[in-house]
Protein backbone atom coordinates (compact mmCIF):
# COMPACT_ATOMS: atom_id res chain seq x y z
CA MET A 1 -95.06 59.69 117.27
CA THR A 2 -93.11 62.92 117.58
CA ARG A 3 -89.36 63.52 117.47
CA GLU A 4 -89.34 64.02 121.24
CA GLU A 5 -91.15 60.73 121.85
CA ALA A 6 -88.75 58.93 119.51
CA ILE A 7 -85.69 60.34 121.28
CA LYS A 8 -87.14 59.27 124.62
CA ILE A 9 -87.63 55.72 123.33
CA ILE A 10 -84.13 55.65 121.84
CA THR A 11 -82.65 56.69 125.19
CA GLU A 12 -84.78 54.41 127.37
CA GLU A 13 -84.29 51.32 125.19
CA GLY A 14 -80.63 51.94 124.41
CA LEU A 15 -81.17 51.97 120.66
CA GLU A 16 -78.12 52.69 118.51
CA ASN A 17 -76.96 53.34 114.95
CA TYR A 18 -79.14 56.21 113.79
CA ASN A 19 -78.99 59.57 112.05
CA LEU A 20 -81.79 61.90 113.10
CA ASN A 21 -81.82 64.35 110.22
CA GLU A 22 -78.24 65.35 111.00
CA ASN A 23 -76.29 67.32 108.42
CA ARG A 24 -73.44 64.83 107.98
CA TYR A 25 -72.39 61.91 105.82
CA ASN A 26 -74.06 58.59 106.52
CA ARG A 27 -72.19 56.06 108.62
CA GLU A 28 -72.06 52.31 108.25
CA ASN A 29 -75.07 50.23 109.30
CA GLU A 30 -77.37 52.95 110.53
CA VAL A 31 -80.99 53.95 110.11
CA VAL A 32 -81.48 57.44 108.73
CA ILE A 33 -84.45 59.80 108.90
CA LYS A 34 -84.37 62.92 106.74
CA TYR A 35 -86.77 65.69 105.83
CA GLU A 36 -86.43 66.70 102.18
CA SER A 37 -88.77 68.47 99.78
CA ASP A 38 -91.81 68.33 102.07
CA THR A 39 -91.46 64.57 102.66
CA TRP A 40 -89.92 62.37 105.33
CA ILE A 41 -87.50 59.66 104.21
CA VAL A 42 -86.34 56.69 106.27
CA TYR A 43 -83.70 54.24 105.04
CA ALA A 44 -80.88 51.96 106.18
CA THR A 45 -77.22 52.00 105.23
CA ASP A 46 -74.89 49.05 104.69
CA GLU A 47 -71.31 48.33 105.69
CA ARG A 48 -70.12 50.87 103.11
CA ALA A 49 -72.54 53.57 104.32
CA SER A 50 -74.52 53.27 101.09
CA THR A 51 -78.31 53.17 101.08
CA VAL A 52 -79.53 49.59 101.20
CA THR A 53 -81.47 48.79 98.04
CA GLY A 54 -85.19 48.70 98.76
CA SER A 55 -84.89 50.18 102.24
CA ARG A 56 -85.88 53.72 101.31
CA LYS A 57 -89.44 54.59 102.39
CA ILE A 58 -91.07 57.97 101.81
CA PHE A 59 -93.71 59.36 104.16
CA ALA A 60 -95.95 62.41 103.90
CA SER A 61 -96.58 62.17 107.65
CA GLU A 62 -93.82 62.95 110.15
CA GLU A 63 -95.45 60.67 112.72
CA GLU A 64 -95.35 57.67 110.40
CA ALA A 65 -91.69 58.31 109.61
CA TRP A 66 -90.71 58.38 113.30
CA ASP A 67 -92.74 55.21 113.92
CA ASN A 68 -90.89 53.49 111.09
CA LEU A 69 -87.51 54.65 112.38
CA ILE A 70 -88.18 53.23 115.86
CA LYS A 71 -89.42 49.95 114.37
CA ARG A 72 -86.18 49.61 112.40
CA LEU A 73 -83.96 50.55 115.34
CA ARG A 74 -85.69 47.96 117.53
CA ALA A 75 -85.12 45.33 114.84
CA ASP A 76 -81.46 46.35 114.64
CA LYS A 77 -81.11 45.91 118.40
CA VAL A 78 -82.58 42.40 118.23
CA LEU A 79 -80.15 41.44 115.47
CA ARG A 80 -77.15 42.83 117.37
CA GLU A 81 -78.13 40.82 120.45
CA LEU A 82 -78.13 37.49 118.57
């Protein structure tokens, strides 16, 4: 998926707690997507805004990274609704 498609899904489904390659410090309990050194990185943060151990995934493909981000945001929404 593309960035535009991901943003559309985020808006339509009311997904929250994300950082879309923004140039800022991480916040608590969010899913982050970043582009660094010709790779896409997706990871989650904890209640201290630190990267959750084992959550960091590296992708060569932008499409796979956006797919992974949406998958994680949907999971986060399910957990928040419990």
